[in-house]
Amino acid sequence: MDEKANELFYLWHLQRIGLLGQGGAFPEAWSGGLDEVRVAIIDSGCATSHPNLPAEAILPSLDVAVDEGGVVYQEGHRTSIAFAWAGIDVRMKELGIEDLPPEIQALVDEIKTSSPEFLPTEDPAHHFSAHGTASAGLIAGRTLKSGKSAFPDAILNYFGVNPFASIIPVATPYSHEIKPLIRALLHSVAMGADVILLPRMVNDVDSSNQSGDKSDLRRSRFTDPKSAKMQKLAKDKDTFETLLRLLSPMMPIVLAAGNDGLGTIAYPASLVNRKGFEDLIVVGSVNSNGRRSSYSSGRSSDGVAIFAPSDDEERIDRFGTWFDPSDAVGRQIKTLGWERTQAYSPFGVLAIDIPGRLDGEDRGDDVPPKLRDLYTVFGGTSAASAIVAGIASLVEAVGRKDKAERLTGKAFRELLGARAASANVSTTKTRAAATASAREETDEVPIVDVGDLLNRRRK
């Protein structure tokens, strides 16, 4: 890792968080190597063939999208995961969790004696895990010195926040089902996760529809609380939240705030506003100018713990304008006097992608992939939360080198300097009121700084 940081202009997000220095040096935290820290990504799985994230950096993957009990696509993974599951109660005690609620204890007892199903077919993550792969690269991407990659001419010198971390990928369904997420959390614990990232929202199965706001589709899509399906979902939701409440003080659990620009943050990040969930790490996004992204939901007083780099989105509404003044539409808007000075940025975060040729061009098997076959521009509060999860893993790894205590969720939130969300914060404001609330605050928001976190961790 001897490249100068100013040659890695495409990793501007690492400079923005104070990890890559302006003078060209890599962070001292990377020097001499670091112990492995495991980050579980509960998302869409992760590709295992990217040259900037080798297979040895990725632990056996579990797929709970195909079956809520868990599916693997390699027989060896079935054995290793079953071994980890058998020790989940020991892992819980290591985290300081001993007296489990009955419903959680029943799940722990069940997983201890079970194993995932083996399906002798190709892992869908090799084709459909772009979101999870991008998140994994932002956390643990690396450039190998050995030059043994199959694509030596196509590799960028690319790094995540902690190039020494390992990834625990969990593929989950993007549906109303919640039970797979419960298994994903338990699996993450059993596999020895030090940090858990959930860079996505989950459908809020609120049977009472407490918001009373019919325009809020996150709640109003579930309208029949008396149906057997709804009652099952409500029970699963309670179990999911109980597990989050138990785990979040004991280990950093990082959640994306949401991308709809509302004052209210998306579920499950919105749980931070309830008593017992104050240690959840909710992350909003800023653009390359350091201003809050136009779509980033919530503010510090809404429970957002910190903001991290991501992209931006052109937007025009009664609360302001966000547009690219360099394009034709932006120049026309500017003449109308609607400009919001220095707010919008056209840049996104560079991330790794599922390796493959998506342009349909047949270049022959002997021609290395082009850069666009390996990398993509990533964004949303998903990208921002992945960066913060990487920071949590880096802080934990440096702490181990310094013989510090294990990083808990509570300790990491305190390091971030987050204001604890009030348990009395109302979650019933209308969409319009929530959006107005979000936009009343200045775009200048607290951005995570790695150097500051490491210094305060050592004190």
Protein backbone atom coordinates (compact mmCIF):
# COMPACT_ATOMS: atom_id res chain seq x y z
CA MET A 1 0.00 0.00 0.00
CA ASP A 2 2.58 2.54 -1.12
CA GLU A 3 0.55 4.52 -3.62
CA LYS A 4 0.09 8.17 -2.88
CA ALA A 5 -3.35 9.29 -1.88
CA ASN A 6 -3.39 12.13 -4.41
CA GLU A 7 -3.17 9.50 -7.15
CA LEU A 8 -6.36 7.93 -5.80
CA PHE A 9 -8.63 10.84 -6.67
CA TYR A 10 -11.49 8.44 -7.30
CA LEU A 11 -11.43 7.56 -3.58
CA TRP A 12 -12.43 11.09 -2.63
CA HIS A 13 -14.79 9.66 -0.02
CA LEU A 14 -11.83 8.30 1.96
CA GLN A 15 -10.26 11.75 1.92
CA ARG A 16 -13.53 13.32 3.02
CA ILE A 17 -13.62 11.17 6.17
CA GLY A 18 -9.97 11.95 6.95
CA LEU A 19 -8.63 8.48 6.14
CA LEU A 20 -6.48 9.30 3.10
CA GLY A 21 -4.31 12.33 3.78
CA GLN A 22 -3.95 15.30 1.46
CA GLY A 23 -0.17 14.92 1.45
CA GLY A 24 -0.21 11.48 -0.14
CA ALA A 25 0.33 9.15 2.80
CA PHE A 26 -1.88 6.21 3.63
CA PRO A 27 -3.33 6.20 7.14
CA GLU A 28 -1.08 5.14 9.96
CA ALA A 29 -3.86 2.82 11.09
CA TRP A 30 -3.19 0.58 8.06
CA SER A 31 0.56 0.32 8.61
CA GLY A 32 1.83 -3.01 9.87
CA GLY A 33 -1.51 -4.73 9.23
CA LEU A 34 -4.48 -5.26 11.51
CA ASP A 35 -6.26 -8.20 13.07
CA GLU A 36 -9.33 -9.54 11.30
CA VAL A 37 -12.58 -7.85 12.23
CA ARG A 38 -15.78 -9.35 10.86
CA VAL A 39 -18.55 -7.25 9.36
CA ALA A 40 -21.89 -8.90 8.59
CA ILE A 41 -23.79 -7.34 5.69
CA ILE A 42 -27.50 -8.18 5.77
CA ASP A 43 -28.44 -7.30 2.22
CA SER A 44 -28.27 -9.11 -1.13
CA GLY A 45 -25.22 -11.32 -0.73
CA CYS A 46 -21.75 -10.66 -2.15
CA ALA A 47 -19.82 -11.69 -5.25
CA THR A 48 -16.69 -13.70 -4.45
CA SER A 49 -14.69 -13.23 -7.66
CA HIS A 50 -13.78 -9.54 -7.61
CA PRO A 51 -10.04 -8.84 -7.76
CA ASN A 52 -10.38 -6.08 -5.14
CA LEU A 53 -12.24 -8.34 -2.71
CA PRO A 54 -10.77 -11.85 -2.86
CA ALA A 55 -12.71 -14.90 -1.80
CA GLU A 56 -10.52 -15.36 1.27
CA ALA A 57 -11.88 -12.07 2.62
CA ILE A 58 -15.45 -13.39 2.44
CA LEU A 59 -16.79 -15.89 4.95
CA PRO A 60 -19.35 -18.56 3.95
CA SER A 61 -22.47 -16.88 2.62
CA LEU A 62 -25.99 -17.63 3.83
CA ASP A 63 -29.08 -17.08 1.68
CA VAL A 64 -32.30 -16.54 3.64
CA ALA A 65 -34.10 -15.09 0.61
CA VAL A 66 -34.64 -18.53 -0.92
CA ASP A 67 -35.60 -20.12 2.42
CA GLU A 68 -35.97 -18.40 5.79
CA GLY A 69 -34.03 -21.21 7.46
CA GLY A 70 -31.01 -20.52 5.30
CA VAL A 71 -29.53 -21.98 2.13
CA VAL A 72 -25.90 -22.46 1.02
CA TYR A 73 -24.48 -23.36 -2.38
CA GLN A 74 -21.31 -25.13 -1.28
CA GLU A 75 -21.33 -28.27 0.84
CA GLY A 76 -18.34 -27.04 2.83
CA HIS A 77 -20.23 -23.90 3.76
CA ARG A 78 -23.03 -26.01 5.22
CA THR A 79 -20.60 -27.73 7.56
CA SER A 80 -18.79 -24.59 8.71
CA ILE A 81 -22.02 -22.64 9.28
CA ALA A 82 -23.59 -25.51 11.23
CA PHE A 83 -20.48 -25.58 13.44
CA ALA A 84 -20.81 -21.84 14.10
CA TRP A 85 -24.53 -22.12 14.82
CA ALA A 86 -23.84 -24.81 17.42
CA GLY A 87 -21.87 -22.26 19.44
CA ILE A 88 -24.27 -19.34 19.24
CA ASP A 89 -25.10 -19.40 22.95
CA VAL A 90 -21.38 -19.09 23.77
CA ARG A 91 -21.12 -16.14 21.39
CA MET A 92 -24.10 -14.47 23.04
CA LYS A 93 -22.38 -14.75 26.43
CA GLU A 94 -19.17 -13.30 24.94
CA LEU A 95 -21.23 -10.27 23.94
CA GLY A 96 -22.51 -9.97 27.50
CA ILE A 97 -26.02 -11.26 26.72
CA GLU A 98 -27.03 -14.07 29.07
CA ASP A 99 -30.67 -13.78 30.09
CA LEU A 100 -32.54 -14.08 26.82
CA PRO A 101 -36.27 -13.46 26.47
CA PRO A 102 -38.17 -16.73 25.95
CA GLU A 103 -38.89 -16.12 22.26
CA ILE A 104 -35.20 -15.40 21.55
CA GLN A 105 -34.02 -18.34 23.66
CA ALA A 106 -36.28 -20.64 21.65
CA LEU A 107 -34.72 -19.41 18.42
CA VAL A 108 -31.20 -19.85 19.80
CA ASP A 109 -32.02 -23.41 20.93
CA GLU A 110 -33.42 -24.17 17.48
CA ILE A 111 -30.48 -22.81 15.51
CA LYS A 112 -27.96 -24.64 17.72
CA THR A 113 -29.17 -28.01 16.47
CA SER A 114 -29.86 -27.12 12.84
CA SER A 115 -27.90 -26.45 9.67
CA PRO A 116 -28.64 -24.61 6.43
CA GLU A 117 -29.92 -26.51 3.42
CA PHE A 118 -27.41 -27.26 0.66
CA LEU A 119 -28.55 -26.51 -2.89
CA PRO A 120 -26.22 -27.89 -5.59
CA THR A 121 -26.57 -24.92 -7.93
CA GLU A 122 -24.83 -21.65 -8.63
CA ASP A 123 -25.08 -18.96 -5.96
CA PRO A 124 -27.45 -16.23 -7.25
CA ALA A 125 -25.13 -13.69 -5.60
CA HIS A 126 -22.77 -14.16 -8.55
CA HIS A 127 -25.34 -12.29 -10.64
CA PHE A 128 -27.72 -10.41 -8.34
CA SER A 129 -25.69 -9.05 -5.42
CA ALA A 130 -24.60 -5.69 -6.79
CA HIS A 131 -25.86 -3.76 -3.75
CA GLY A 132 -24.20 -6.05 -1.23
CA THR A 133 -21.00 -6.31 -3.28
CA ALA A 134 -20.67 -2.53 -3.51
CA SER A 135 -21.21 -2.23 0.25
CA ALA A 136 -18.62 -4.92 0.94
CA GLY A 137 -16.05 -3.14 -1.22
CA LEU A 138 -16.55 0.15 0.60
CA ILE A 139 -15.86 -1.69 3.84
CA ALA A 140 -13.07 -4.14 3.01
CA GLY A 141 -11.88 -3.57 -0.56
CA ARG A 142 -8.14 -4.02 -1.11
CA THR A 143 -5.43 -4.18 -3.77
CA LEU A 144 -3.32 -7.32 -3.66
CA LYS A 145 0.45 -6.93 -3.88
CA SER A 146 0.91 -10.39 -5.31
CA GLY A 147 -0.49 -9.50 -8.72
CA LYS A 148 -2.07 -12.96 -8.98
CA SER A 149 -5.43 -11.61 -10.02
CA ALA A 150 -7.04 -12.95 -13.17
CA PHE A 151 -7.51 -9.34 -14.32
CA PRO A 152 -4.18 -7.62 -13.59
CA ASP A 153 -4.63 -4.99 -16.31
CA ALA A 154 -8.10 -3.98 -15.16
CA ILE A 155 -7.58 -3.45 -11.45
CA LEU A 156 -7.69 -0.04 -9.86
CA ASN A 157 -5.72 0.55 -6.71
CA TYR A 158 -8.91 0.37 -4.71
CA PHE A 159 -9.38 0.28 -0.95
CA GLY A 160 -12.24 0.14 1.48
CA VAL A 161 -12.11 1.80 4.87
CA ASN A 162 -10.59 -1.30 6.47
CA PRO A 163 -8.74 -3.49 3.93
CA PHE A 164 -8.07 -6.06 6.65
CA ALA A 165 -11.71 -6.76 7.51
CA SER A 166 -13.65 -9.88 6.57
CA ILE A 167 -17.21 -9.93 5.26
CA ILE A 168 -20.09 -12.15 6.44
CA PRO A 169 -22.61 -11.89 3.56
CA VAL A 170 -26.28 -12.65 4.16
CA ALA A 171 -28.73 -12.53 1.23
CA THR A 172 -32.21 -11.42 2.32
CA PRO A 173 -35.50 -10.94 0.49
CA TYR A 174 -36.63 -7.44 -0.40
CA SER A 175 -40.21 -8.20 0.56
CA HIS A 176 -42.56 -7.80 3.50
CA GLU A 177 -41.15 -10.91 5.22
CA ILE A 178 -39.34 -10.23 8.50
CA LYS A 179 -38.53 -13.73 9.77
CA PRO A 180 -35.55 -14.08 7.39
CA LEU A 181 -34.04 -10.98 8.98
CA ILE A 182 -34.27 -12.61 12.40
CA ARG A 183 -32.29 -15.59 11.10
CA ALA A 184 -29.84 -13.17 9.46
CA LEU A 185 -29.14 -11.43 12.79
CA LEU A 186 -28.70 -14.71 14.67
CA HIS A 187 -26.45 -16.05 11.92
CA SER A 188 -24.32 -12.89 12.07
CA VAL A 189 -23.84 -13.33 15.81
CA ALA A 190 -22.99 -17.03 15.48
CA MET A 191 -20.42 -16.32 12.75
CA GLY A 192 -18.59 -13.94 15.07
CA ALA A 193 -19.61 -10.61 13.60
CA ASP A 194 -18.02 -7.60 15.32
CA VAL A 195 -20.16 -5.14 13.34
CA ILE A 196 -23.54 -5.64 11.64
CA LEU A 197 -24.60 -3.51 8.67
CA LEU A 198 -28.15 -3.28 7.35
CA PRO A 199 -27.80 -0.87 4.39
CA ARG A 200 -31.46 -1.08 3.39
CA MET A 201 -34.90 -0.30 4.68
CA VAL A 202 -37.42 -2.91 5.76
CA ASN A 203 -41.17 -2.70 5.21
CA ASP A 204 -42.67 -1.35 8.41
CA VAL A 205 -45.40 -3.81 9.25
CA ASP A 206 -47.34 -1.51 11.54
CA SER A 207 -50.73 -3.16 11.97
CA SER A 208 -52.20 -0.13 13.71
CA ASN A 209 -50.93 2.31 11.05
CA GLN A 210 -50.23 4.81 13.81
CA SER A 211 -49.06 7.55 11.48
CA GLY A 212 -52.56 8.11 10.14
CA ASP A 213 -50.88 9.38 7.00
CA LYS A 214 -52.33 7.60 3.96
CA SER A 215 -49.59 9.07 1.74
CA ASP A 216 -46.90 7.21 3.69
CA LEU A 217 -46.77 3.94 1.75
CA ARG A 218 -44.23 2.52 4.18
CA ARG A 219 -47.13 2.07 6.59
CA SER A 220 -50.39 2.20 4.67
CA ARG A 221 -49.59 -0.83 2.47
CA PHE A 222 -50.48 -3.06 5.45
CA THR A 223 -54.13 -2.35 6.15
CA ASP A 224 -55.76 -5.43 7.61
CA PRO A 225 -54.42 -6.03 11.15
CA LYS A 226 -56.86 -8.87 11.82
CA SER A 227 -55.68 -11.15 9.02
CA ALA A 228 -53.64 -14.21 9.99
CA LYS A 229 -50.81 -13.03 7.73
CA MET A 230 -50.66 -9.64 9.41
CA GLN A 231 -50.72 -11.15 12.87
CA LYS A 232 -47.79 -13.41 11.98
CA LEU A 233 -45.85 -10.49 10.52
CA ALA A 234 -46.55 -8.38 13.61
CA LYS A 235 -45.24 -11.18 15.84
CA ASP A 236 -42.12 -11.55 13.70
CA LYS A 237 -41.60 -7.80 13.85
CA ASP A 238 -41.73 -7.85 17.65
CA THR A 239 -39.12 -10.62 17.73
CA PHE A 240 -36.91 -8.77 15.24
CA GLU A 241 -37.06 -5.61 17.34
CA THR A 242 -36.39 -7.50 20.56
CA LEU A 243 -33.25 -8.96 19.02
CA LEU A 244 -32.10 -5.55 17.79
CA ARG A 245 -32.67 -4.10 21.26
CA LEU A 246 -30.56 -6.85 22.83
CA LEU A 247 -27.70 -6.62 20.36
CA SER A 248 -27.36 -2.90 19.63
CA PRO A 249 -25.76 -1.87 22.97
CA MET A 250 -23.28 -4.75 22.72
CA MET A 251 -22.01 -4.34 19.15
CA PRO A 252 -22.22 -1.62 16.48
CA ILE A 253 -25.34 -2.13 14.37
CA VAL A 254 -25.25 0.34 11.48
CA LEU A 255 -28.44 1.28 9.63
CA ALA A 256 -29.16 3.45 6.59
CA ALA A 257 -31.40 6.44 7.38
CA GLY A 258 -33.39 6.20 4.13
CA ASN A 259 -33.51 7.96 0.79
CA ASP A 260 -36.86 9.76 0.61
CA GLY A 261 -35.76 13.09 2.10
CA LEU A 262 -38.29 13.01 4.92
CA GLY A 263 -37.74 14.25 8.45
CA THR A 264 -38.74 10.79 9.65
CA ILE A 265 -36.12 8.15 8.97
CA ALA A 266 -36.92 4.78 7.43
CA TYR A 267 -37.60 1.56 9.35
CA PRO A 268 -35.78 -0.10 11.07
CA ALA A 269 -33.50 2.92 11.57
CA SER A 270 -36.53 4.77 12.99
CA LEU A 271 -36.41 2.48 16.03
CA VAL A 272 -33.62 4.69 17.37
CA ASN A 273 -36.32 7.09 18.54
CA ARG A 274 -37.78 4.48 20.88
CA LYS A 275 -36.57 3.70 24.37
CA GLY A 276 -34.09 0.84 24.42
CA PHE A 277 -32.87 1.40 20.85
CA GLU A 278 -30.75 4.51 21.44
CA ASP A 279 -27.50 2.71 20.58
CA LEU A 280 -28.43 1.93 16.98
CA ILE A 281 -26.08 3.75 14.59
CA VAL A 282 -28.23 5.56 12.00
CA VAL A 283 -26.32 7.08 9.08
CA GLY A 284 -27.31 9.87 6.71
CA SER A 285 -25.41 10.96 3.60
CA VAL A 286 -23.56 14.01 2.36
CA ASN A 287 -22.32 14.80 -1.12
CA SER A 288 -18.74 15.55 -2.16
CA ASN A 289 -19.19 19.17 -1.08
CA GLY A 290 -19.96 18.07 2.46
CA ARG A 291 -23.60 19.12 2.20
CA ARG A 292 -26.46 16.82 3.06
CA SER A 293 -27.65 14.85 0.04
CA SER A 294 -31.03 16.02 -1.21
CA TYR A 295 -32.60 12.61 -0.57
CA SER A 296 -31.06 11.83 2.84
CA SER A 297 -33.83 11.29 5.39
CA GLY A 298 -33.72 12.83 8.83
CA ARG A 299 -31.33 14.99 10.79
CA SER A 300 -29.48 14.66 14.06
CA SER A 301 -32.55 15.49 16.14
CA ASP A 302 -34.47 12.79 14.26
CA GLY A 303 -31.98 10.15 15.38
CA VAL A 304 -29.29 10.30 12.67
CA ALA A 305 -26.04 9.63 14.52
CA ILE A 306 -23.63 10.77 11.81
CA PHE A 307 -23.37 11.61 8.12
CA ALA A 308 -20.92 10.05 5.67
CA PRO A 309 -20.04 10.58 1.99
CA SER A 310 -22.29 9.39 -0.81
CA ASP A 311 -23.84 10.85 -3.95
CA ASP A 312 -26.59 13.41 -4.52
CA GLU A 313 -29.83 13.70 -6.48
CA GLU A 314 -31.22 16.50 -8.58
CA ARG A 315 -34.40 17.76 -7.01
CA ILE A 316 -36.70 20.74 -7.19
CA ASP A 317 -39.44 21.31 -4.65
CA ARG A 318 -40.81 24.06 -2.44
CA PHE A 319 -38.04 23.53 0.07
CA GLY A 320 -35.18 24.20 -2.35
CA THR A 321 -33.41 23.18 -5.53
CA TRP A 322 -30.62 20.72 -6.09
CA PHE A 323 -29.31 20.59 -9.66
CA ASP A 324 -26.14 20.34 -11.69
CA PRO A 325 -25.41 23.90 -12.95
CA SER A 326 -23.07 22.52 -15.63
CA ASP A 327 -25.75 20.73 -17.67
CA ALA A 328 -28.33 22.27 -19.99
CA VAL A 329 -31.29 21.92 -17.63
CA GLY A 330 -29.24 23.25 -14.73
CA ARG A 331 -28.20 26.34 -16.69
CA GLN A 332 -31.81 27.05 -17.56
CA ILE A 333 -32.94 26.66 -13.95
CA LYS A 334 -30.15 28.96 -12.83
CA THR A 335 -31.53 31.75 -15.03
CA LEU A 336 -34.82 31.50 -13.14
CA GLY A 337 -33.14 32.46 -9.90
CA TRP A 338 -33.88 29.16 -8.17
CA GLU A 339 -30.27 28.28 -7.46
CA ARG A 340 -29.35 26.78 -4.10
CA THR A 341 -25.70 27.77 -4.02
CA GLN A 342 -23.08 25.02 -3.64
CA ALA A 343 -25.63 22.41 -2.57
CA TYR A 344 -25.75 19.83 -5.33
CA SER A 345 -22.80 17.67 -6.40
CA PRO A 346 -22.79 15.40 -9.48
CA PHE A 347 -20.22 13.01 -7.99
CA GLY A 348 -20.91 9.62 -6.46
CA VAL A 349 -18.85 7.08 -4.55
CA LEU A 350 -16.80 4.60 -6.56
CA ALA A 351 -17.52 1.01 -5.54
CA ILE A 352 -16.71 -2.46 -6.78
CA ASP A 353 -19.34 -4.28 -8.82
CA ILE A 354 -20.17 -7.86 -9.75
CA PRO A 355 -17.50 -8.76 -12.32
CA GLY A 356 -19.02 -9.13 -15.76
CA ARG A 357 -19.57 -7.53 -19.12
CA LEU A 358 -22.88 -5.74 -19.07
CA ASP A 359 -22.45 -3.87 -22.35
CA GLY A 360 -23.05 -6.95 -24.51
CA GLU A 361 -19.73 -6.50 -26.26
CA ASP A 362 -18.01 -9.79 -27.19
CA ARG A 363 -14.32 -9.08 -26.71
CA GLY A 364 -13.16 -12.70 -26.44
CA ASP A 365 -12.18 -14.69 -23.41
CA ASP A 366 -8.53 -13.66 -23.68
CA VAL A 367 -9.30 -9.93 -23.36
CA PRO A 368 -9.37 -8.63 -19.77
CA PRO A 369 -12.53 -6.87 -18.62
CA LYS A 370 -12.70 -3.12 -18.87
CA LEU A 371 -12.84 -1.01 -15.74
CA ARG A 372 -16.57 -0.53 -16.13
CA ASP A 373 -16.96 -4.31 -15.88
CA LEU A 374 -15.55 -4.24 -12.35
CA TYR A 375 -16.58 -0.91 -10.82
CA THR A 376 -19.66 1.25 -10.48
CA VAL A 377 -20.86 4.51 -8.97
CA PHE A 378 -22.74 3.83 -5.77
CA GLY A 379 -24.81 6.10 -3.56
CA GLY A 380 -27.73 6.59 -1.23
CA THR A 381 -27.57 6.26 2.53
CA SER A 382 -26.63 2.65 1.75
CA ALA A 383 -23.16 3.78 0.63
CA ALA A 384 -22.84 6.14 3.59
CA SER A 385 -23.81 3.44 6.09
CA ALA A 386 -21.34 0.98 4.53
CA ILE A 387 -18.55 3.52 5.00
CA VAL A 388 -19.49 3.97 8.67
CA ALA A 389 -19.61 0.19 9.18
CA GLY A 390 -16.10 0.08 7.74
CA ILE A 391 -15.05 2.79 10.17
CA ALA A 392 -16.49 0.80 13.08
CA SER A 393 -14.45 -2.22 11.99
CA LEU A 394 -11.32 -0.07 11.70
CA VAL A 395 -11.82 1.42 15.16
CA GLU A 396 -12.26 -2.07 16.60
CA ALA A 397 -9.16 -3.39 14.79
CA VAL A 398 -6.97 -0.50 15.95
CA GLY A 399 -8.38 -0.94 19.46
CA ARG A 400 -7.27 -4.57 19.48
CA LYS A 401 -3.76 -3.50 18.55
CA ASP A 402 -3.85 -1.02 21.44
CA LYS A 403 -5.26 -3.70 23.79
CA ALA A 404 -8.47 -1.69 24.24
CA GLU A 405 -11.80 -3.16 25.29
CA ARG A 406 -14.11 -4.56 22.62
CA LEU A 407 -16.03 -1.86 20.77
CA THR A 408 -19.70 -1.95 21.75
CA GLY A 409 -22.58 -0.25 20.00
CA LYS A 410 -22.95 2.13 22.91
CA ALA A 411 -19.25 3.03 22.89
CA PHE A 412 -19.21 3.61 19.13
CA ARG A 413 -22.24 5.88 19.28
CA GLU A 414 -20.57 7.87 22.04
CA LEU A 415 -17.41 8.13 19.93
CA LEU A 416 -19.48 9.51 17.08
CA GLY A 417 -20.65 12.23 19.43
CA ALA A 418 -24.25 11.54 18.55
CA ARG A 419 -27.03 13.17 20.45
CA ALA A 420 -29.22 10.46 21.93
CA ALA A 421 -32.61 10.57 20.30
CA SER A 422 -35.40 11.44 22.66
CA ALA A 423 -37.74 8.58 23.46
CA ASN A 424 -40.54 11.13 23.28
CA VAL A 425 -39.95 12.09 19.64
CA SER A 426 -43.24 11.86 17.79
CA THR A 427 -43.44 9.41 14.89
CA THR A 428 -46.86 10.55 13.75
CA LYS A 429 -46.08 13.73 11.81
CA THR A 430 -47.41 13.92 8.27
CA ARG A 431 -45.23 13.56 5.23
CA ALA A 432 -45.33 17.28 4.46
CA ALA A 433 -44.54 18.26 8.04
CA ALA A 434 -41.72 15.77 8.22
CA THR A 435 -40.18 17.02 4.99
CA ALA A 436 -40.45 20.62 6.14
CA SER A 437 -38.80 19.67 9.42
CA ALA A 438 -35.92 18.02 7.60
CA ARG A 439 -35.34 21.04 5.37
CA GLU A 440 -35.51 23.65 8.13
CA GLU A 441 -32.09 22.48 9.29
CA THR A 442 -28.98 23.74 7.51
CA ASP A 443 -27.31 21.45 4.97
CA GLU A 444 -24.14 21.63 7.06
CA VAL A 445 -24.19 18.44 9.12
CA PRO A 446 -21.67 16.50 11.25
CA ILE A 447 -19.47 14.36 8.99
CA VAL A 448 -17.61 11.38 10.40
CA ASP A 449 -13.85 11.90 10.89
CA VAL A 450 -11.72 8.77 11.27
CA GLY A 451 -8.70 10.48 12.79
CA ASP A 452 -10.81 12.13 15.46
CA LEU A 453 -12.54 8.84 16.30
CA LEU A 454 -9.24 6.96 16.67
CA ASN A 455 -7.75 9.68 18.82
CA ARG A 456 -10.73 9.74 21.15
CA ARG A 457 -10.79 5.95 21.27
CA ARG A 458 -7.20 5.98 22.58
CA LYS A 459 -7.98 8.45 25.36
